């Protein structure tokens, strides 16, 4: 289940990065007025900051999940049989 979440989140990150690049090309195309360029540029920067955080979180989760099966072996759980 977590692997599906991780793959989906990374797909979203990739799509968002492509969206940011498309928006940058739109800004560079000079088809917008100054106010529109400013607003779009602000939103691009906000989106870039958010997607950077999401990317880091997802990759951290992926590393945690990869280590998960080894955790019980590395940290023995003492059991008492009654």
PDB file of N, CA and C in Angstrom:
ATOM      1  N   UNK A   1       0.817  -1.194   0.000  1.00  0.00           N
ATOM      2  CA  UNK A   1       0.000   0.000   0.000  1.00  0.00           C
ATOM      3  C   UNK A   1       0.862   1.261   0.000  1.00  0.00           C
ATOM      4  N   UNK A   2       1.890   1.267   0.874  1.00  0.00           N
ATOM      5  CA  UNK A   2       2.758   2.440   0.932  1.00  0.00           C
ATOM      6  C   UNK A   2       3.520   2.642  -0.372  1.00  0.00           C
ATOM      7  N   UNK A   3       3.883   1.539  -1.053  1.00  0.00           N
ATOM      8  CA  UNK A   3       4.597   1.690  -2.313  1.00  0.00           C
ATOM      9  C   UNK A   3       3.723   2.372  -3.362  1.00  0.00           C
ATOM     10  N   UNK A   4       2.429   2.128  -3.336  1.00  0.00           N
ATOM     11  CA  UNK A   4       1.503   2.796  -4.255  1.00  0.00           C
ATOM     12  C   UNK A   4       1.434   4.286  -3.931  1.00  0.00           C
ATOM     13  N   UNK A   5       1.366   4.614  -2.648  1.00  0.00           N
ATOM     14  CA  UNK A   5       1.327   6.018  -2.228  1.00  0.00           C
ATOM     15  C   UNK A   5       2.606   6.730  -2.656  1.00  0.00           C
ATOM     16  N   UNK A   6       3.739   6.076  -2.457  1.00  0.00           N
ATOM     17  CA  UNK A   6       5.025   6.678  -2.818  1.00  0.00           C
ATOM     18  C   UNK A   6       5.110   6.896  -4.319  1.00  0.00           C
ATOM     19  N   UNK A   7       4.775   5.884  -5.104  1.00  0.00           N
ATOM     20  CA  UNK A   7       4.819   6.035  -6.570  1.00  0.00           C
ATOM     21  C   UNK A   7       3.870   7.125  -7.040  1.00  0.00           C
ATOM     22  N   UNK A   8       2.669   7.164  -6.484  1.00  0.00           N
ATOM     23  CA  UNK A   8       1.691   8.183  -6.869  1.00  0.00           C
ATOM     24  C   UNK A   8       2.181   9.580  -6.511  1.00  0.00           C
ATOM     25  N   UNK A   9       2.743   9.724  -5.325  1.00  0.00           N
ATOM     26  CA  UNK A   9       3.253  11.030  -4.902  1.00  0.00           C
ATOM     27  C   UNK A   9       4.403  11.480  -5.794  1.00  0.00           C
ATOM     28  N   UNK A  10       5.294  10.567  -6.158  1.00  0.00           N
ATOM     29  CA  UNK A  10       6.398  10.927  -7.046  1.00  0.00           C
ATOM     30  C   UNK A  10       5.891  11.286  -8.443  1.00  0.00           C
ATOM     31  N   UNK A  11       4.831  10.645  -8.882  1.00  0.00           N
ATOM     32  CA  UNK A  11       4.211  11.004 -10.156  1.00  0.00           C
ATOM     33  C   UNK A  11       3.650  12.418 -10.087  1.00  0.00           C
ATOM     34  N   UNK A  12       3.001  12.741  -8.985  1.00  0.00           N
ATOM     35  CA  UNK A  12       2.463  14.094  -8.793  1.00  0.00           C
ATOM     36  C   UNK A  12       3.595  15.113  -8.787  1.00  0.00           C
ATOM     37  N   UNK A  13       4.691  14.789  -8.107  1.00  0.00           N
ATOM     38  CA  UNK A  13       5.845  15.688  -8.089  1.00  0.00           C
ATOM     39  C   UNK A  13       6.345  15.925  -9.506  1.00  0.00           C
ATOM     40  N   UNK A  14       6.489  14.870 -10.283  1.00  0.00           N
ATOM     41  CA  UNK A  14       6.963  15.000 -11.661  1.00  0.00           C
ATOM     42  C   UNK A  14       6.032  15.834 -12.518  1.00  0.00           C
ATOM     43  N   UNK A  15       4.744  15.598 -12.405  1.00  0.00           N
ATOM     44  CA  UNK A  15       3.771  16.374 -13.180  1.00  0.00           C
ATOM     45  C   UNK A  15       3.792  17.848 -12.778  1.00  0.00           C
ATOM     46  N   UNK A  16       3.938  18.089 -11.488  1.00  0.00           N
ATOM     47  CA  UNK A  16       3.975  19.472 -11.003  1.00  0.00           C
ATOM     48  C   UNK A  16       5.221  20.181 -11.503  1.00  0.00           C
ATOM     49  N   UNK A  17       6.348  19.478 -11.527  1.00  0.00           N
ATOM     50  CA  UNK A  17       7.568  20.079 -12.065  1.00  0.00           C
ATOM     51  C   UNK A  17       7.395  20.445 -13.540  1.00  0.00           C
ATOM     52  N   UNK A  18       6.726  19.582 -14.298  1.00  0.00           N
ATOM     53  CA  UNK A  18       6.461  19.900 -15.716  1.00  0.00           C
ATOM     54  C   UNK A  18       5.514  21.095 -15.839  1.00  0.00           C
ATOM     55  N   UNK A  19       4.538  21.192 -14.939  1.00  0.00           N
ATOM     56  CA  UNK A  19       3.620  22.327 -14.920  1.00  0.00           C
ATOM     57  C   UNK A  19       4.370  23.628 -14.625  1.00  0.00           C
ATOM     58  N   UNK A  20       5.298  23.567 -13.692  1.00  0.00           N
ATOM     59  CA  UNK A  20       6.103  24.742 -13.360  1.00  0.00           C
ATOM     60  C   UNK A  20       6.905  25.191 -14.577  1.00  0.00           C
ATOM     61  N   UNK A  21       7.506  24.249 -15.276  1.00  0.00           N
ATOM     62  CA  UNK A  21       8.288  24.600 -16.467  1.00  0.00           C
ATOM     63  C   UNK A  21       7.403  25.188 -17.568  1.00  0.00           C
ATOM     64  N   UNK A  22       6.204  24.641 -17.738  1.00  0.00           N
ATOM     65  CA  UNK A  22       5.271  25.186 -18.740  1.00  0.00           C
ATOM     66  C   UNK A  22       4.861  26.609 -18.365  1.00  0.00           C
ATOM     67  N   UNK A  23       4.621  26.850 -17.076  1.00  0.00           N
ATOM     68  CA  UNK A  23       4.259  28.187 -16.617  1.00  0.00           C
ATOM     69  C   UNK A  23       5.423  29.153 -16.829  1.00  0.00           C
ATOM     70  N   UNK A  24       6.639  28.692 -16.588  1.00  0.00           N
ATOM     71  CA  UNK A  24       7.821  29.529 -16.829  1.00  0.00           C
ATOM     72  C   UNK A  24       7.917  29.923 -18.305  1.00  0.00           C
ATOM     73  N   UNK A  25       7.661  28.969 -19.188  1.00  0.00           N
ATOM     74  CA  UNK A  25       7.691  29.282 -20.633  1.00  0.00           C
ATOM     75  C   UNK A  25       6.617  30.305 -20.986  1.00  0.00           C
ATOM     76  N   UNK A  26       5.459  30.200 -20.345  1.00  0.00           N
ATOM     77  CA  UNK A  26       4.380  31.159 -20.569  1.00  0.00           C
ATOM     78  C   UNK A  26       4.806  32.551 -20.121  1.00  0.00           C
ATOM     79  N   UNK A  27       5.459  32.628 -18.971  1.00  0.00           N
ATOM     80  CA  UNK A  27       5.946  33.918 -18.471  1.00  0.00           C
ATOM     81  C   UNK A  27       6.995  34.492 -19.428  1.00  0.00           C
ATOM     82  N   UNK A  28       7.872  33.642 -19.909  1.00  0.00           N
ATOM     83  CA  UNK A  28       8.936  34.097 -20.811  1.00  0.00           C
ATOM     84  C   UNK A  28       8.421  34.449 -22.206  1.00  0.00           C
ATOM     85  N   UNK A  29       7.195  34.007 -22.540  1.00  0.00           N
ATOM     86  CA  UNK A  29       6.642  34.244 -23.867  1.00  0.00           C
ATOM     87  C   UNK A  29       6.143  35.655 -24.103  1.00  0.00           C
ATOM     88  N   UNK A  30       6.102  36.501 -23.078  1.00  0.00           N
ATOM     89  CA  UNK A  30       5.687  37.903 -23.193  1.00  0.00           C
ATOM     90  C   UNK A  30       4.252  38.082 -23.680  1.00  0.00           C
ATOM     91  N   UNK A  31       3.390  37.088 -23.476  1.00  0.00           N
ATOM     92  CA  UNK A  31       1.990  37.211 -23.875  1.00  0.00           C
ATOM     93  C   UNK A  31       1.116  37.737 -22.739  1.00  0.00           C
ATOM     94  N   UNK A  32       1.692  37.965 -21.570  1.00  0.00           N
ATOM     95  CA  UNK A  32       0.940  38.396 -20.406  1.00  0.00           C
ATOM     96  C   UNK A  32       1.332  39.822 -20.033  1.00  0.00           C
ATOM     97  N   UNK A  33       0.402  40.512 -19.361  1.00  0.00           N
ATOM     98  CA  UNK A  33       0.772  41.858 -18.889  1.00  0.00           C
ATOM     99  C   UNK A  33       1.607  41.736 -17.615  1.00  0.00           C
ATOM    100  N   UNK A  34       2.132  42.844 -17.153  1.00  0.00           N
ATOM    101  CA  UNK A  34       3.065  42.842 -16.030  1.00  0.00           C
ATOM    102  C   UNK A  34       2.456  42.282 -14.748  1.00  0.00           C
ATOM    103  N   UNK A  35       1.210  42.624 -14.452  1.00  0.00           N
ATOM    104  CA  UNK A  35       0.540  42.140 -13.243  1.00  0.00           C
ATOM    105  C   UNK A  35       0.340  40.623 -13.307  1.00  0.00           C
ATOM    106  N   UNK A  36      -0.061  40.119 -14.465  1.00  0.00           N
ATOM    107  CA  UNK A  36      -0.261  38.677 -14.626  1.00  0.00           C
ATOM    108  C   UNK A  36       1.064  37.922 -14.478  1.00  0.00           C
ATOM    109  N   UNK A  37       2.113  38.475 -15.030  1.00  0.00           N
ATOM    110  CA  UNK A  37       3.429  37.849 -14.921  1.00  0.00           C
ATOM    111  C   UNK A  37       3.865  37.798 -13.462  1.00  0.00           C
ATOM    112  N   UNK A  38       3.651  38.886 -12.741  1.00  0.00           N
ATOM    113  CA  UNK A  38       4.030  38.941 -11.327  1.00  0.00           C
ATOM    114  C   UNK A  38       3.261  37.903 -10.515  1.00  0.00           C
ATOM    115  N   UNK A  39       1.957  37.838 -10.694  1.00  0.00           N
ATOM    116  CA  UNK A  39       1.132  36.881  -9.948  1.00  0.00           C
ATOM    117  C   UNK A  39       1.504  35.440 -10.290  1.00  0.00           C
ATOM    118  N   UNK A  40       1.698  35.176 -11.572  1.00  0.00           N
ATOM    119  CA  UNK A  40       2.066  33.822 -11.988  1.00  0.00           C
ATOM    120  C   UNK A  40       3.439  33.452 -11.444  1.00  0.00           C
ATOM    121  N   UNK A  41       4.347  34.388 -11.448  1.00  0.00           N
ATOM    122  CA  UNK A  41       5.684  34.134 -10.918  1.00  0.00           C
ATOM    123  C   UNK A  41       5.636  33.825  -9.425  1.00  0.00           C
ATOM    124  N   UNK A  42       4.818  34.562  -8.670  1.00  0.00           N
ATOM    125  CA  UNK A  42       4.655  34.293  -7.232  1.00  0.00           C
ATOM    126  C   UNK A  42       4.083  32.896  -6.994  1.00  0.00           C
ATOM    127  N   UNK A  43       3.074  32.537  -7.771  1.00  0.00           N
ATOM    128  CA  UNK A  43       2.455  31.222  -7.607  1.00  0.00           C
ATOM    129  C   UNK A  43       3.433  30.107  -7.981  1.00  0.00           C
ATOM    130  N   UNK A  44       4.236  30.338  -9.000  1.00  0.00           N
ATOM    131  CA  UNK A  44       5.243  29.340  -9.384  1.00  0.00           C
ATOM    132  C   UNK A  44       6.225  29.120  -8.246  1.00  0.00           C
ATOM    133  N   UNK A  45       6.681  30.184  -7.633  1.00  0.00           N
ATOM    134  CA  UNK A  45       7.628  30.060  -6.526  1.00  0.00           C
ATOM    135  C   UNK A  45       7.000  29.340  -5.338  1.00  0.00           C
ATOM    136  N   UNK A  46       5.751  29.652  -5.020  1.00  0.00           N
ATOM    137  CA  UNK A  46       5.055  28.960  -3.930  1.00  0.00           C
ATOM    138  C   UNK A  46       4.922  27.466  -4.236  1.00  0.00           C
ATOM    139  N   UNK A  47       4.516  27.181  -5.454  1.00  0.00           N
ATOM    140  CA  UNK A  47       4.348  25.795  -5.870  1.00  0.00           C
ATOM    141  C   UNK A  47       5.681  25.057  -5.840  1.00  0.00           C
ATOM    142  N   UNK A  48       6.732  25.700  -6.275  1.00  0.00           N
ATOM    143  CA  UNK A  48       8.055  25.087  -6.262  1.00  0.00           C
ATOM    144  C   UNK A  48       8.475  24.763  -4.824  1.00  0.00           C
ATOM    145  N   UNK A  49       8.234  25.676  -3.898  1.00  0.00           N
ATOM    146  CA  UNK A  49       8.582  25.434  -2.493  1.00  0.00           C
ATOM    147  C   UNK A  49       7.808  24.245  -1.930  1.00  0.00           C
ATOM    148  N   UNK A  50       6.524  24.203  -2.224  1.00  0.00           N
ATOM    149  CA  UNK A  50       5.686  23.114  -1.713  1.00  0.00           C
ATOM    150  C   UNK A  50       6.113  21.787  -2.314  1.00  0.00           C
ATOM    151  N   UNK A  51       6.338  21.749  -3.612  1.00  0.00           N
ATOM    152  CA  UNK A  51       6.670  20.487  -4.271  1.00  0.00           C
ATOM    153  C   UNK A  51       8.042  19.992  -3.827  1.00  0.00           C
ATOM    154  N   UNK A  52       8.949  20.909  -3.508  1.00  0.00           N
ATOM    155  CA  UNK A  52      10.252  20.512  -2.984  1.00  0.00           C
ATOM    156  C   UNK A  52      10.082  19.808  -1.637  1.00  0.00           C
ATOM    157  N   UNK A  53       9.237  20.358  -0.777  1.00  0.00           N
ATOM    158  CA  UNK A  53       8.963  19.731   0.516  1.00  0.00           C
ATOM    159  C   UNK A  53       8.302  18.375   0.376  1.00  0.00           C
ATOM    160  N   UNK A  54       7.348  18.270  -0.539  1.00  0.00           N
ATOM    161  CA  UNK A  54       6.658  16.999  -0.773  1.00  0.00           C
ATOM    162  C   UNK A  54       7.643  15.960  -1.285  1.00  0.00           C
ATOM    163  N   UNK A  55       8.486  16.358  -2.215  1.00  0.00           N
ATOM    164  CA  UNK A  55       9.475  15.442  -2.777  1.00  0.00           C
ATOM    165  C   UNK A  55      10.391  14.901  -1.682  1.00  0.00           C
ATOM    166  N   UNK A  56      10.880  15.774  -0.821  1.00  0.00           N
ATOM    167  CA  UNK A  56      11.736  15.342   0.287  1.00  0.00           C
ATOM    168  C   UNK A  56      10.996  14.390   1.229  1.00  0.00           C
ATOM    169  N   UNK A  57       9.749  14.709   1.546  1.00  0.00           N
ATOM    170  CA  UNK A  57       8.968  13.874   2.455  1.00  0.00           C
ATOM    171  C   UNK A  57       8.709  12.488   1.858  1.00  0.00           C
ATOM    172  N   UNK A  58       8.372  12.446   0.585  1.00  0.00           N
ATOM    173  CA  UNK A  58       8.080  11.163  -0.064  1.00  0.00           C
ATOM    174  C   UNK A  58       9.338  10.314  -0.146  1.00  0.00           C
ATOM    175  N   UNK A  59      10.452  10.933  -0.501  1.00  0.00           N
ATOM    176  CA  UNK A  59      11.703  10.168  -0.578  1.00  0.00           C
ATOM    177  C   UNK A  59      12.126   9.675   0.811  1.00  0.00           C
ATOM    178  N   UNK A  60      11.890  10.468   1.832  1.00  0.00           N
ATOM    179  CA  UNK A  60      12.186  10.036   3.194  1.00  0.00           C
ATOM    180  C   UNK A  60      11.295   8.862   3.592  1.00  0.00           C
ATOM    181  N   UNK A  61      10.026   8.939   3.222  1.00  0.00           N
ATOM    182  CA  UNK A  61       9.100   7.835   3.491  1.00  0.00           C
ATOM    183  C   UNK A  61       9.549   6.577   2.763  1.00  0.00           C
ATOM    184  N   UNK A  62       9.986   6.732   1.521  1.00  0.00           N
ATOM    185  CA  UNK A  62      10.451   5.580   0.747  1.00  0.00           C
ATOM    186  C   UNK A  62      11.646   4.920   1.431  1.00  0.00           C
ATOM    187  N   UNK A  63      12.572   5.725   1.929  1.00  0.00           N
ATOM    188  CA  UNK A  63      13.725   5.160   2.632  1.00  0.00           C
ATOM    189  C   UNK A  63      13.295   4.462   3.914  1.00  0.00           C
ATOM    190  N   UNK A  64      12.340   5.043   4.617  1.00  0.00           N
ATOM    191  CA  UNK A  64      11.836   4.441   5.846  1.00  0.00           C
ATOM    192  C   UNK A  64      11.164   3.104   5.556  1.00  0.00           C
ATOM    193  N   UNK A  65      10.379   3.055   4.505  1.00  0.00           N
ATOM    194  CA  UNK A  65       9.678   1.820   4.143  1.00  0.00           C
ATOM    195  C   UNK A  65      10.673   0.746   3.740  1.00  0.00           C
ATOM    196  N   UNK A  66      11.744   1.140   3.026  1.00  0.00           N
ATOM    197  CA  UNK A  66      12.757   0.168   2.633  1.00  0.00           C
ATOM    198  C   UNK A  66      13.442  -0.434   3.857  1.00  0.00           C
ATOM    199  N   UNK A  67      13.596   0.353   4.911  1.00  0.00           N
ATOM    200  CA  UNK A  67      14.252  -0.132   6.132  1.00  0.00           C
ATOM    201  C   UNK A  67      13.296  -0.881   7.044  1.00  0.00           C
ATOM    202  N   UNK A  68      12.002  -0.734   6.840  1.00  0.00           N
ATOM    203  CA  UNK A  68      10.998  -1.292   7.739  1.00  0.00           C
ATOM    204  C   UNK A  68      11.154  -2.798   7.983  1.00  0.00           C
ATOM    205  N   UNK A  69      11.346  -3.645   6.948  1.00  0.00           N
ATOM    206  CA  UNK A  69      11.453  -5.087   7.220  1.00  0.00           C
ATOM    207  C   UNK A  69      12.663  -5.445   8.090  1.00  0.00           C
ATOM    208  N   UNK A  70      13.731  -4.651   8.048  1.00  0.00           N
ATOM    209  CA  UNK A  70      14.903  -4.950   8.853  1.00  0.00           C
ATOM    210  C   UNK A  70      14.724  -4.505  10.308  1.00  0.00           C
ATOM    211  N   UNK A  71      13.795  -3.605  10.564  1.00  0.00           N
ATOM    212  CA  UNK A  71      13.630  -3.052  11.911  1.00  0.00           C
ATOM    213  C   UNK A  71      13.386  -4.123  12.971  1.00  0.00           C
ATOM    214  N   UNK A  72      12.479  -5.081  12.749  1.00  0.00           N
ATOM    215  CA  UNK A  72      12.263  -6.098  13.790  1.00  0.00           C
ATOM    216  C   UNK A  72      13.517  -6.925  14.055  1.00  0.00           C
ATOM    217  N   UNK A  73      14.337  -7.159  13.026  1.00  0.00           N
ATOM    218  CA  UNK A  73      15.553  -7.944  13.215  1.00  0.00           C
ATOM    219  C   UNK A  73      16.624  -7.147  13.945  1.00  0.00           C
ATOM    220  N   UNK A  74      16.691  -5.869  13.655  1.00  0.00           N
ATOM    221  CA  UNK A  74      17.679  -5.022  14.279  1.00  0.00           C
ATOM    222  C   UNK A  74      17.344  -4.676  15.711  1.00  0.00           C
ATOM    223  N   UNK A  75      16.063  -4.652  16.036  1.00  0.00           N
ATOM    224  CA  UNK A  75      15.603  -4.314  17.387  1.00  0.00           C
ATOM    225  C   UNK A  75      14.737  -5.472  17.874  1.00  0.00           C
ATOM    226  N   UNK A  76      15.375  -6.405  18.524  1.00  0.00           N
ATOM    227  CA  UNK A  76      14.661  -7.608  18.957  1.00  0.00           C
ATOM    228  C   UNK A  76      13.577  -7.252  19.965  1.00  0.00           C
ATOM    229  N   UNK A  77      12.424  -7.823  19.759  1.00  0.00           N
ATOM    230  CA  UNK A  77      11.304  -7.627  20.666  1.00  0.00           C
ATOM    231  C   UNK A  77      11.251  -8.844  21.575  1.00  0.00           C
ATOM    232  N   UNK A  78      11.322  -8.597  22.858  1.00  0.00           N
ATOM    233  CA  UNK A  78      11.286  -9.701  23.816  1.00  0.00           C
ATOM    234  C   UNK A  78       9.849 -10.137  24.015  1.00  0.00           C
ATOM    235  N   UNK A  79       9.623 -11.442  23.907  1.00  0.00           N
ATOM    236  CA  UNK A  79       8.277 -11.989  24.069  1.00  0.00           C
ATOM    237  C   UNK A  79       8.273 -12.937  25.254  1.00  0.00           C
ATOM    238  N   UNK A  80       7.193 -12.921  25.948  1.00  0.00           N
ATOM    239  CA  UNK A  80       7.015 -13.836  27.074  1.00  0.00           C
ATOM    240  C   UNK A  80       5.841 -14.751  26.757  1.00  0.00           C
ATOM    241  N   UNK A  81       6.103 -16.023  26.797  1.00  0.00           N
ATOM    242  CA  UNK A  81       5.042 -16.995  26.546  1.00  0.00           C
ATOM    243  C   UNK A  81       4.380 -17.348  27.853  1.00  0.00           C
ATOM    244  N   UNK A  82       3.100 -17.336  27.874  1.00  0.00           N
ATOM    245  CA  UNK A  82       2.356 -17.676  29.089  1.00  0.00           C
ATOM    246  C   UNK A  82       1.701 -19.006  28.913  1.00  0.00           C
TER     247      UNK A  82
END
